[in-house]
Amino acid sequence: YDVIGANKTGIDSIAVTYGYGSREEL
């Protein structure tokens, strides 16, 4: 949801895998 939100608003994103989203999801 963080990456989707960034993409939809036109900003860059840093996805982190130490939380609760899997690498594949991100």
mmCIF file of all heavy atoms, coordinates in Angstrom:
data_MODEL
# 
_entry.id   MODEL 
# 
loop_
_atom_site.group_PDB 
_atom_site.id 
_atom_site.type_symbol 
_atom_site.label_atom_id 
_atom_site.label_alt_id 
_atom_site.label_comp_id 
_atom_site.label_asym_id 
_atom_site.label_entity_id 
_atom_site.label_seq_id 
_atom_site.pdbx_PDB_ins_code 
_atom_site.Cartn_x 
_atom_site.Cartn_y 
_atom_site.Cartn_z 
_atom_site.occupancy 
_atom_site.B_iso_or_equiv 
_atom_site.pdbx_formal_charge 
_atom_site.auth_seq_id 
_atom_site.auth_comp_id 
_atom_site.auth_asym_id 
_atom_site.auth_atom_id 
_atom_site.pdbx_PDB_model_num 
ATOM 1   N N   . TYR A 1 1  ? 0.826  -1.206  0.000  1.00 0.00 ? 1  TYR A N   1 
ATOM 2   C CA  . TYR A 1 1  ? 0.000  0.000   0.000  1.00 0.00 ? 1  TYR A CA  1 
ATOM 3   C C   . TYR A 1 1  ? 0.864  1.262   0.000  1.00 0.00 ? 1  TYR A C   1 
ATOM 4   O O   . TYR A 1 1  ? 0.483  2.283   -0.578 1.00 0.00 ? 1  TYR A O   1 
ATOM 5   C CB  . TYR A 1 1  ? -0.931 -0.009  1.215  1.00 0.00 ? 1  TYR A CB  1 
ATOM 6   C CG  . TYR A 1 1  ? -1.639 -1.323  1.390  1.00 0.00 ? 1  TYR A CG  1 
ATOM 7   C CD1 . TYR A 1 1  ? -1.155 -2.290  2.271  1.00 0.00 ? 1  TYR A CD1 1 
ATOM 8   C CD2 . TYR A 1 1  ? -2.765 -1.637  0.626  1.00 0.00 ? 1  TYR A CD2 1 
ATOM 9   C CE1 . TYR A 1 1  ? -1.780 -3.522  2.409  1.00 0.00 ? 1  TYR A CE1 1 
ATOM 10  C CE2 . TYR A 1 1  ? -3.396 -2.865  0.755  1.00 0.00 ? 1  TYR A CE2 1 
ATOM 11  C CZ  . TYR A 1 1  ? -2.898 -3.801  1.646  1.00 0.00 ? 1  TYR A CZ  1 
ATOM 12  O OH  . TYR A 1 1  ? -3.503 -5.024  1.765  1.00 0.00 ? 1  TYR A OH  1 
ATOM 13  N N   . ASP A 1 2  ? 2.026  1.195   0.638  1.00 0.00 ? 2  ASP A N   1 
ATOM 14  C CA  . ASP A 1 2  ? 2.936  2.334   0.665  1.00 0.00 ? 2  ASP A CA  1 
ATOM 15  C C   . ASP A 1 2  ? 3.504  2.605   -0.722 1.00 0.00 ? 2  ASP A C   1 
ATOM 16  O O   . ASP A 1 2  ? 3.596  3.753   -1.157 1.00 0.00 ? 2  ASP A O   1 
ATOM 17  C CB  . ASP A 1 2  ? 4.072  2.071   1.657  1.00 0.00 ? 2  ASP A CB  1 
ATOM 18  C CG  . ASP A 1 2  ? 3.560  1.792   3.056  1.00 0.00 ? 2  ASP A CG  1 
ATOM 19  O OD1 . ASP A 1 2  ? 2.858  2.647   3.603  1.00 0.00 ? 2  ASP A OD1 1 
ATOM 20  O OD2 . ASP A 1 2  ? 3.849  0.707   3.592  1.00 0.00 ? 2  ASP A OD2 1 
ATOM 21  N N   . VAL A 1 3  ? 3.869  1.542   -1.424 1.00 0.00 ? 3  VAL A N   1 
ATOM 22  C CA  . VAL A 1 3  ? 4.435  1.682   -2.763 1.00 0.00 ? 3  VAL A CA  1 
ATOM 23  C C   . VAL A 1 3  ? 3.353  2.119   -3.748 1.00 0.00 ? 3  VAL A C   1 
ATOM 24  O O   . VAL A 1 3  ? 3.576  3.002   -4.591 1.00 0.00 ? 3  VAL A O   1 
ATOM 25  C CB  . VAL A 1 3  ? 5.097  0.373   -3.217 1.00 0.00 ? 3  VAL A CB  1 
ATOM 26  C CG1 . VAL A 1 3  ? 5.711  0.528   -4.602 1.00 0.00 ? 3  VAL A CG1 1 
ATOM 27  C CG2 . VAL A 1 3  ? 6.153  -0.080  -2.211 1.00 0.00 ? 3  VAL A CG2 1 
ATOM 28  N N   . ILE A 1 4  ? 2.181  1.515   -3.640 1.00 0.00 ? 4  ILE A N   1 
ATOM 29  C CA  . ILE A 1 4  ? 1.066  1.896   -4.516 1.00 0.00 ? 4  ILE A CA  1 
ATOM 30  C C   . ILE A 1 4  ? 0.738  3.375   -4.332 1.00 0.00 ? 4  ILE A C   1 
ATOM 31  O O   . ILE A 1 4  ? 0.554  4.115   -5.310 1.00 0.00 ? 4  ILE A O   1 
ATOM 32  C CB  . ILE A 1 4  ? -0.167 1.024   -4.226 1.00 0.00 ? 4  ILE A CB  1 
ATOM 33  C CG1 . ILE A 1 4  ? 0.075  -0.417  -4.673 1.00 0.00 ? 4  ILE A CG1 1 
ATOM 34  C CG2 . ILE A 1 4  ? -1.412 1.592   -4.915 1.00 0.00 ? 4  ILE A CG2 1 
ATOM 35  C CD1 . ILE A 1 4  ? -0.975 -1.407  -4.191 1.00 0.00 ? 4  ILE A CD1 1 
ATOM 36  N N   . GLY A 1 5  ? 0.666  3.821   -3.070 1.00 0.00 ? 5  GLY A N   1 
ATOM 37  C CA  . GLY A 1 5  ? 0.361  5.217   -2.793 1.00 0.00 ? 5  GLY A CA  1 
ATOM 38  C C   . GLY A 1 5  ? 1.405  6.156   -3.372 1.00 0.00 ? 5  GLY A C   1 
ATOM 39  O O   . GLY A 1 5  ? 1.075  7.208   -3.937 1.00 0.00 ? 5  GLY A O   1 
ATOM 40  N N   . ALA A 1 6  ? 2.673  5.778   -3.245 1.00 0.00 ? 6  ALA A N   1 
ATOM 41  C CA  . ALA A 1 6  ? 3.748  6.595   -3.808 1.00 0.00 ? 6  ALA A CA  1 
ATOM 42  C C   . ALA A 1 6  ? 3.637  6.652   -5.331 1.00 0.00 ? 6  ALA A C   1 
ATOM 43  O O   . ALA A 1 6  ? 3.740  7.732   -5.936 1.00 0.00 ? 6  ALA A O   1 
ATOM 44  C CB  . ALA A 1 6  ? 5.108  6.032   -3.391 1.00 0.00 ? 6  ALA A CB  1 
ATOM 45  N N   . ASN A 1 7  ? 3.416  5.507   -5.952 1.00 0.00 ? 7  ASN A N   1 
ATOM 46  C CA  . ASN A 1 7  ? 3.306  5.473   -7.412 1.00 0.00 ? 7  ASN A CA  1 
ATOM 47  C C   . ASN A 1 7  ? 2.132  6.305   -7.910 1.00 0.00 ? 7  ASN A C   1 
ATOM 48  O O   . ASN A 1 7  ? 2.248  7.033   -8.909 1.00 0.00 ? 7  ASN A O   1 
ATOM 49  C CB  . ASN A 1 7  ? 3.175  4.029   -7.899 1.00 0.00 ? 7  ASN A CB  1 
ATOM 50  C CG  . ASN A 1 7  ? 4.455  3.228   -7.734 1.00 0.00 ? 7  ASN A CG  1 
ATOM 51  O OD1 . ASN A 1 7  ? 5.540  3.813   -7.610 1.00 0.00 ? 7  ASN A OD1 1 
ATOM 52  N ND2 . ASN A 1 7  ? 4.350  1.914   -7.731 1.00 0.00 ? 7  ASN A ND2 1 
ATOM 53  N N   . LYS A 1 8  ? 0.996  6.214   -7.233 1.00 0.00 ? 8  LYS A N   1 
ATOM 54  C CA  . LYS A 1 8  ? -0.193 6.941   -7.677 1.00 0.00 ? 8  LYS A CA  1 
ATOM 55  C C   . LYS A 1 8  ? -0.055 8.454   -7.497 1.00 0.00 ? 8  LYS A C   1 
ATOM 56  O O   . LYS A 1 8  ? -0.690 9.221   -8.214 1.00 0.00 ? 8  LYS A O   1 
ATOM 57  C CB  . LYS A 1 8  ? -1.426 6.434   -6.928 1.00 0.00 ? 8  LYS A CB  1 
ATOM 58  C CG  . LYS A 1 8  ? -1.918 5.077   -7.405 1.00 0.00 ? 8  LYS A CG  1 
ATOM 59  C CD  . LYS A 1 8  ? -3.229 4.697   -6.738 1.00 0.00 ? 8  LYS A CD  1 
ATOM 60  C CE  . LYS A 1 8  ? -3.778 3.403   -7.310 1.00 0.00 ? 8  LYS A CE  1 
ATOM 61  N NZ  . LYS A 1 8  ? -5.075 3.021   -6.669 1.00 0.00 ? 8  LYS A NZ  1 
ATOM 62  N N   . THR A 1 9  ? 0.755  8.869   -6.531 1.00 0.00 ? 9  THR A N   1 
ATOM 63  C CA  . THR A 1 9  ? 0.933  10.296  -6.300 1.00 0.00 ? 9  THR A CA  1 
ATOM 64  C C   . THR A 1 9  ? 2.179  10.851  -6.988 1.00 0.00 ? 9  THR A C   1 
ATOM 65  O O   . THR A 1 9  ? 2.461  12.044  -6.893 1.00 0.00 ? 9  THR A O   1 
ATOM 66  C CB  . THR A 1 9  ? 1.008  10.604  -4.793 1.00 0.00 ? 9  THR A CB  1 
ATOM 67  O OG1 . THR A 1 9  ? 2.048  9.808   -4.189 1.00 0.00 ? 9  THR A OG1 1 
ATOM 68  C CG2 . THR A 1 9  ? -0.321 10.306  -4.112 1.00 0.00 ? 9  THR A CG2 1 
ATOM 69  N N   . GLY A 1 10 ? 2.928  9.994   -7.662 1.00 0.00 ? 10 GLY A N   1 
ATOM 70  C CA  . GLY A 1 10 ? 4.055  10.452  -8.454 1.00 0.00 ? 10 GLY A CA  1 
ATOM 71  C C   . GLY A 1 10 ? 5.326  10.731  -7.695 1.00 0.00 ? 10 GLY A C   1 
ATOM 72  O O   . GLY A 1 10 ? 6.161  11.527  -8.141 1.00 0.00 ? 10 GLY A O   1 
ATOM 73  N N   . ILE A 1 11 ? 5.508  10.064  -6.535 1.00 0.00 ? 11 ILE A N   1 
ATOM 74  C CA  . ILE A 1 11 ? 6.750  10.245  -5.785 1.00 0.00 ? 11 ILE A CA  1 
ATOM 75  C C   . ILE A 1 11 ? 7.509  8.922   -5.702 1.00 0.00 ? 11 ILE A C   1 
ATOM 76  O O   . ILE A 1 11 ? 6.949  7.859   -5.964 1.00 0.00 ? 11 ILE A O   1 
ATOM 77  C CB  . ILE A 1 11 ? 6.498  10.816  -4.369 1.00 0.00 ? 11 ILE A CB  1 
ATOM 78  C CG1 . ILE A 1 11 ? 5.754  9.809   -3.489 1.00 0.00 ? 11 ILE A CG1 1 
ATOM 79  C CG2 . ILE A 1 11 ? 5.745  12.152  -4.450 1.00 0.00 ? 11 ILE A CG2 1 
ATOM 80  C CD1 . ILE A 1 11 ? 5.645  10.236  -2.012 1.00 0.00 ? 11 ILE A CD1 1 
ATOM 81  N N   . ASP A 1 12 ? 8.775  9.000   -5.339 1.00 0.00 ? 12 ASP A N   1 
ATOM 82  C CA  . ASP A 1 12 ? 9.602  7.801   -5.211 1.00 0.00 ? 12 ASP A CA  1 
ATOM 83  C C   . ASP A 1 12 ? 9.275  7.050   -3.916 1.00 0.00 ? 12 ASP A C   1 
ATOM 84  O O   . ASP A 1 12 ? 8.626  7.596   -3.012 1.00 0.00 ? 12 ASP A O   1 
ATOM 85  C CB  . ASP A 1 12 ? 11.080 8.174   -5.220 1.00 0.00 ? 12 ASP A CB  1 
ATOM 86  C CG  . ASP A 1 12 ? 11.589 8.523   -6.619 1.00 0.00 ? 12 ASP A CG  1 
ATOM 87  O OD1 . ASP A 1 12 ? 10.803 8.419   -7.586 1.00 0.00 ? 12 ASP A OD1 1 
ATOM 88  O OD2 . ASP A 1 12 ? 12.766 8.907   -6.742 1.00 0.00 ? 12 ASP A OD2 1 
ATOM 89  N N   . SER A 1 13 ? 9.734  5.810   -3.859 1.00 0.00 ? 13 SER A N   1 
ATOM 90  C CA  . SER A 1 13 ? 9.461  4.984   -2.677 1.00 0.00 ? 13 SER A CA  1 
ATOM 91  C C   . SER A 1 13 ? 10.676 4.146   -2.315 1.00 0.00 ? 13 SER A C   1 
ATOM 92  O O   . SER A 1 13 ? 11.476 3.768   -3.175 1.00 0.00 ? 13 SER A O   1 
ATOM 93  C CB  . SER A 1 13 ? 8.266  4.059   -2.928 1.00 0.00 ? 13 SER A CB  1 
ATOM 94  O OG  . SER A 1 13 ? 8.519  3.203   -4.030 1.00 0.00 ? 13 SER A OG  1 
ATOM 95  N N   . ILE A 1 14 ? 10.792 3.882   -1.016 1.00 0.00 ? 14 ILE A N   1 
ATOM 96  C CA  . ILE A 1 14 ? 11.768 2.920   -0.493 1.00 0.00 ? 14 ILE A CA  1 
ATOM 97  C C   . ILE A 1 14 ? 10.969 1.844   0.224  1.00 0.00 ? 14 ILE A C   1 
ATOM 98  O O   . ILE A 1 14 ? 10.358 2.104   1.263  1.00 0.00 ? 14 ILE A O   1 
ATOM 99  C CB  . ILE A 1 14 ? 12.769 3.570   0.484  1.00 0.00 ? 14 ILE A CB  1 
ATOM 100 C CG1 . ILE A 1 14 ? 13.530 4.718   -0.191 1.00 0.00 ? 14 ILE A CG1 1 
ATOM 101 C CG2 . ILE A 1 14 ? 13.744 2.523   1.023  1.00 0.00 ? 14 ILE A CG2 1 
ATOM 102 C CD1 . ILE A 1 14 ? 14.417 5.512   0.764  1.00 0.00 ? 14 ILE A CD1 1 
ATOM 103 N N   . ALA A 1 15 ? 10.946 0.647   -0.339 1.00 0.00 ? 15 ALA A N   1 
ATOM 104 C CA  . ALA A 1 15 ? 10.242 -0.478  0.285  1.00 0.00 ? 15 ALA A CA  1 
ATOM 105 C C   . ALA A 1 15 ? 11.212 -1.212  1.189  1.00 0.00 ? 15 ALA A C   1 
ATOM 106 O O   . ALA A 1 15 ? 12.348 -1.491  0.794  1.00 0.00 ? 15 ALA A O   1 
ATOM 107 C CB  . ALA A 1 15 ? 9.690  -1.412  -0.786 1.00 0.00 ? 15 ALA A CB  1 
ATOM 108 N N   . VAL A 1 16 ? 10.774 -1.511  2.409  1.00 0.00 ? 16 VAL A N   1 
ATOM 109 C CA  . VAL A 1 16 ? 11.628 -2.188  3.378  1.00 0.00 ? 16 VAL A CA  1 
ATOM 110 C C   . VAL A 1 16 ? 11.087 -3.590  3.652  1.00 0.00 ? 16 VAL A C   1 
ATOM 111 O O   . VAL A 1 16 ? 9.885  -3.783  3.808  1.00 0.00 ? 16 VAL A O   1 
ATOM 112 C CB  . VAL A 1 16 ? 11.753 -1.380  4.691  1.00 0.00 ? 16 VAL A CB  1 
ATOM 113 C CG1 . VAL A 1 16 ? 12.306 0.011   4.409  1.00 0.00 ? 16 VAL A CG1 1 
ATOM 114 C CG2 . VAL A 1 16 ? 10.422 -1.257  5.419  1.00 0.00 ? 16 VAL A CG2 1 
ATOM 115 N N   . THR A 1 17 ? 12.006 -4.556  3.698  1.00 0.00 ? 17 THR A N   1 
ATOM 116 C CA  . THR A 1 17 ? 11.577 -5.946  3.880  1.00 0.00 ? 17 THR A CA  1 
ATOM 117 C C   . THR A 1 17 ? 11.684 -6.422  5.320  1.00 0.00 ? 17 THR A C   1 
ATOM 118 O O   . THR A 1 17 ? 11.398 -7.585  5.600  1.00 0.00 ? 17 THR A O   1 
ATOM 119 C CB  . THR A 1 17 ? 12.414 -6.887  2.990  1.00 0.00 ? 17 THR A CB  1 
ATOM 120 O OG1 . THR A 1 17 ? 13.801 -6.778  3.350  1.00 0.00 ? 17 THR A OG1 1 
ATOM 121 C CG2 . THR A 1 17 ? 12.256 -6.540  1.519  1.00 0.00 ? 17 THR A CG2 1 
ATOM 122 N N   . TYR A 1 18 ? 12.074 -5.533  6.251  1.00 0.00 ? 18 TYR A N   1 
ATOM 123 C CA  . TYR A 1 18 ? 12.167 -5.959  7.651  1.00 0.00 ? 18 TYR A CA  1 
ATOM 124 C C   . TYR A 1 18 ? 10.830 -5.882  8.372  1.00 0.00 ? 18 TYR A C   1 
ATOM 125 O O   . TYR A 1 18 ? 10.735 -6.259  9.540  1.00 0.00 ? 18 TYR A O   1 
ATOM 126 C CB  . TYR A 1 18 ? 13.233 -5.140  8.397  1.00 0.00 ? 18 TYR A CB  1 
ATOM 127 C CG  . TYR A 1 18 ? 12.978 -3.650  8.460  1.00 0.00 ? 18 TYR A CG  1 
ATOM 128 C CD1 . TYR A 1 18 ? 12.055 -3.111  9.353  1.00 0.00 ? 18 TYR A CD1 1 
ATOM 129 C CD2 . TYR A 1 18 ? 13.683 -2.772  7.639  1.00 0.00 ? 18 TYR A CD2 1 
ATOM 130 C CE1 . TYR A 1 18 ? 11.824 -1.738  9.413  1.00 0.00 ? 18 TYR A CE1 1 
ATOM 131 C CE2 . TYR A 1 18 ? 13.459 -1.408  7.698  1.00 0.00 ? 18 TYR A CE2 1 
ATOM 132 C CZ  . TYR A 1 18 ? 12.533 -0.894  8.586  1.00 0.00 ? 18 TYR A CZ  1 
ATOM 133 O OH  . TYR A 1 18 ? 12.303 0.464   8.637  1.00 0.00 ? 18 TYR A OH  1 
ATOM 134 N N   . GLY A 1 19 ? 9.790  -5.391  7.680  1.00 0.00 ? 19 GLY A N   1 
ATOM 135 C CA  . GLY A 1 19 ? 8.473  -5.264  8.300  1.00 0.00 ? 19 GLY A CA  1 
ATOM 136 C C   . GLY A 1 19 ? 7.579  -6.448  7.974  1.00 0.00 ? 19 GLY A C   1 
ATOM 137 O O   . GLY A 1 19 ? 7.999  -7.605  8.063  1.00 0.00 ? 19 GLY A O   1 
ATOM 138 N N   . TYR A 1 20 ? 6.338  -6.168  7.522  1.00 0.00 ? 20 TYR A N   1 
ATOM 139 C CA  . TYR A 1 20 ? 5.346  -7.231  7.365  1.00 0.00 ? 20 TYR A CA  1 
ATOM 140 C C   . TYR A 1 20 ? 4.954  -7.534  5.926  1.00 0.00 ? 20 TYR A C   1 
ATOM 141 O O   . TYR A 1 20 ? 4.139  -8.406  5.687  1.00 0.00 ? 20 TYR A O   1 
ATOM 142 C CB  . TYR A 1 20 ? 4.106  -6.905  8.211  1.00 0.00 ? 20 TYR A CB  1 
ATOM 143 C CG  . TYR A 1 20 ? 4.395  -7.151  9.671  1.00 0.00 ? 20 TYR A CG  1 
ATOM 144 C CD1 . TYR A 1 20 ? 4.916  -6.135  10.473 1.00 0.00 ? 20 TYR A CD1 1 
ATOM 145 C CD2 . TYR A 1 20 ? 4.237  -8.405  10.235 1.00 0.00 ? 20 TYR A CD2 1 
ATOM 146 C CE1 . TYR A 1 20 ? 5.231  -6.364  11.804 1.00 0.00 ? 20 TYR A CE1 1 
ATOM 147 C CE2 . TYR A 1 20 ? 4.553  -8.651  11.559 1.00 0.00 ? 20 TYR A CE2 1 
ATOM 148 C CZ  . TYR A 1 20 ? 5.051  -7.622  12.335 1.00 0.00 ? 20 TYR A CZ  1 
ATOM 149 O OH  . TYR A 1 20 ? 5.385  -7.855  13.647 1.00 0.00 ? 20 TYR A OH  1 
ATOM 150 N N   . GLY A 1 21 ? 5.541  -6.835  4.979  1.00 0.00 ? 21 GLY A N   1 
ATOM 151 C CA  . GLY A 1 21 ? 5.303  -7.164  3.580  1.00 0.00 ? 21 GLY A CA  1 
ATOM 152 C C   . GLY A 1 21 ? 6.440  -8.028  3.049  1.00 0.00 ? 21 GLY A C   1 
ATOM 153 O O   . GLY A 1 21 ? 7.609  -7.761  3.323  1.00 0.00 ? 21 GLY A O   1 
ATOM 154 N N   . SER A 1 22 ? 6.116  -9.046  2.293  1.00 0.00 ? 22 SER A N   1 
ATOM 155 C CA  . SER A 1 22 ? 7.155  -9.919  1.743  1.00 0.00 ? 22 SER A CA  1 
ATOM 156 C C   . SER A 1 22 ? 7.881  -9.204  0.598  1.00 0.00 ? 22 SER A C   1 
ATOM 157 O O   . SER A 1 22 ? 7.379  -8.243  0.007  1.00 0.00 ? 22 SER A O   1 
ATOM 158 C CB  . SER A 1 22 ? 6.543  -11.213 1.209  1.00 0.00 ? 22 SER A CB  1 
ATOM 159 O OG  . SER A 1 22 ? 5.744  -10.943 0.058  1.00 0.00 ? 22 SER A OG  1 
ATOM 160 N N   . ARG A 1 23 ? 9.063  -9.694  0.294  1.00 0.00 ? 23 ARG A N   1 
ATOM 161 C CA  . ARG A 1 23 ? 9.830  -9.165  -0.832 1.00 0.00 ? 23 ARG A CA  1 
ATOM 162 C C   . ARG A 1 23 ? 9.011  -9.251  -2.120 1.00 0.00 ? 23 ARG A C   1 
ATOM 163 O O   . ARG A 1 23 ? 8.993  -8.315  -2.930 1.00 0.00 ? 23 ARG A O   1 
ATOM 164 C CB  . ARG A 1 23 ? 11.133 -9.955  -0.963 1.00 0.00 ? 23 ARG A CB  1 
ATOM 165 C CG  . ARG A 1 23 ? 12.057 -9.496  -2.074 1.00 0.00 ? 23 ARG A CG  1 
ATOM 166 C CD  . ARG A 1 23 ? 13.292 -10.384 -2.149 1.00 0.00 ? 23 ARG A CD  1 
ATOM 167 N NE  . ARG A 1 23 ? 14.176 -9.965  -3.224 1.00 0.00 ? 23 ARG A NE  1 
ATOM 168 C CZ  . ARG A 1 23 ? 15.123 -9.065  -3.095 1.00 0.00 ? 23 ARG A CZ  1 
ATOM 169 N NH1 . ARG A 1 23 ? 15.321 -8.475  -1.925 1.00 0.00 ? 23 ARG A NH1 1 
ATOM 170 N NH2 . ARG A 1 23 ? 15.890 -8.733  -4.123 1.00 0.00 ? 23 ARG A NH2 1 
ATOM 171 N N   . GLU A 1 24 ? 8.309  -10.371 -2.294 1.00 0.00 ? 24 GLU A N   1 
ATOM 172 C CA  . GLU A 1 24 ? 7.510  -10.579 -3.506 1.00 0.00 ? 24 GLU A CA  1 
ATOM 173 C C   . GLU A 1 24 ? 6.371  -9.572  -3.582 1.00 0.00 ? 24 GLU A C   1 
ATOM 174 O O   . GLU A 1 24 ? 6.107  -8.991  -4.650 1.00 0.00 ? 24 GLU A O   1 
ATOM 175 C CB  . GLU A 1 24 ? 6.955  -12.005 -3.528 1.00 0.00 ? 24 GLU A CB  1 
ATOM 176 C CG  . GLU A 1 24 ? 8.008  -13.096 -3.684 1.00 0.00 ? 24 GLU A CG  1 
ATOM 177 C CD  . GLU A 1 24 ? 8.875  -13.288 -2.445 1.00 0.00 ? 24 GLU A CD  1 
ATOM 178 O OE1 . GLU A 1 24 ? 8.388  -13.000 -1.311 1.00 0.00 ? 24 GLU A OE1 1 
ATOM 179 O OE2 . GLU A 1 24 ? 10.042 -13.715 -2.599 1.00 0.00 ? 24 GLU A OE2 1 
ATOM 180 N N   . GLU A 1 25 ? 5.678  -9.354  -2.458 1.00 0.00 ? 25 GLU A N   1 
ATOM 181 C CA  . GLU A 1 25 ? 4.578  -8.381  -2.427 1.00 0.00 ? 25 GLU A CA  1 
ATOM 182 C C   . GLU A 1 25 ? 5.067  -7.002  -2.841 1.00 0.00 ? 25 GLU A C   1 
ATOM 183 O O   . GLU A 1 25 ? 4.426  -6.308  -3.626 1.00 0.00 ? 25 GLU A O   1 
ATOM 184 C CB  . GLU A 1 25 ? 3.990  -8.308  -1.013 1.00 0.00 ? 25 GLU A CB  1 
ATOM 185 C CG  . GLU A 1 25 ? 2.979  -7.181  -0.810 1.00 0.00 ? 25 GLU A CG  1 
ATOM 186 C CD  . GLU A 1 25 ? 2.578  -6.974  0.642  1.00 0.00 ? 25 GLU A CD  1 
ATOM 187 O OE1 . GLU A 1 25 ? 2.371  -7.969  1.350  1.00 0.00 ? 25 GLU A OE1 1 
ATOM 188 O OE2 . GLU A 1 25 ? 2.466  -5.806  1.054  1.00 0.00 ? 25 GLU A OE2 1 
ATOM 189 N N   . LEU A 1 26 ? 6.211  -6.599  -2.302 1.00 0.00 ? 26 LEU A N   1 
ATOM 190 C CA  . LEU A 1 26 ? 6.737  -5.264  -2.556 1.00 0.00 ? 26 LEU A CA  1 
ATOM 191 C C   . LEU A 1 26 ? 7.237  -5.119  -3.988 1.00 0.00 ? 26 LEU A C   1 
ATOM 192 O O   . LEU A 1 26 ? 6.958  -4.110  -4.650 1.00 0.00 ? 26 LEU A O   1 
ATOM 193 C CB  . LEU A 1 26 ? 7.853  -4.958  -1.558 1.00 0.00 ? 26 LEU A CB  1 
ATOM 194 C CG  . LEU A 1 26 ? 7.387  -4.849  -0.101 1.00 0.00 ? 26 LEU A CG  1 
ATOM 195 C CD1 . LEU A 1 26 ? 8.583  -4.902  0.850  1.00 0.00 ? 26 LEU A CD1 1 
ATOM 196 C CD2 . LEU A 1 26 ? 6.581  -3.571  0.127  1.00 0.00 ? 26 LEU A CD2 1 
# 
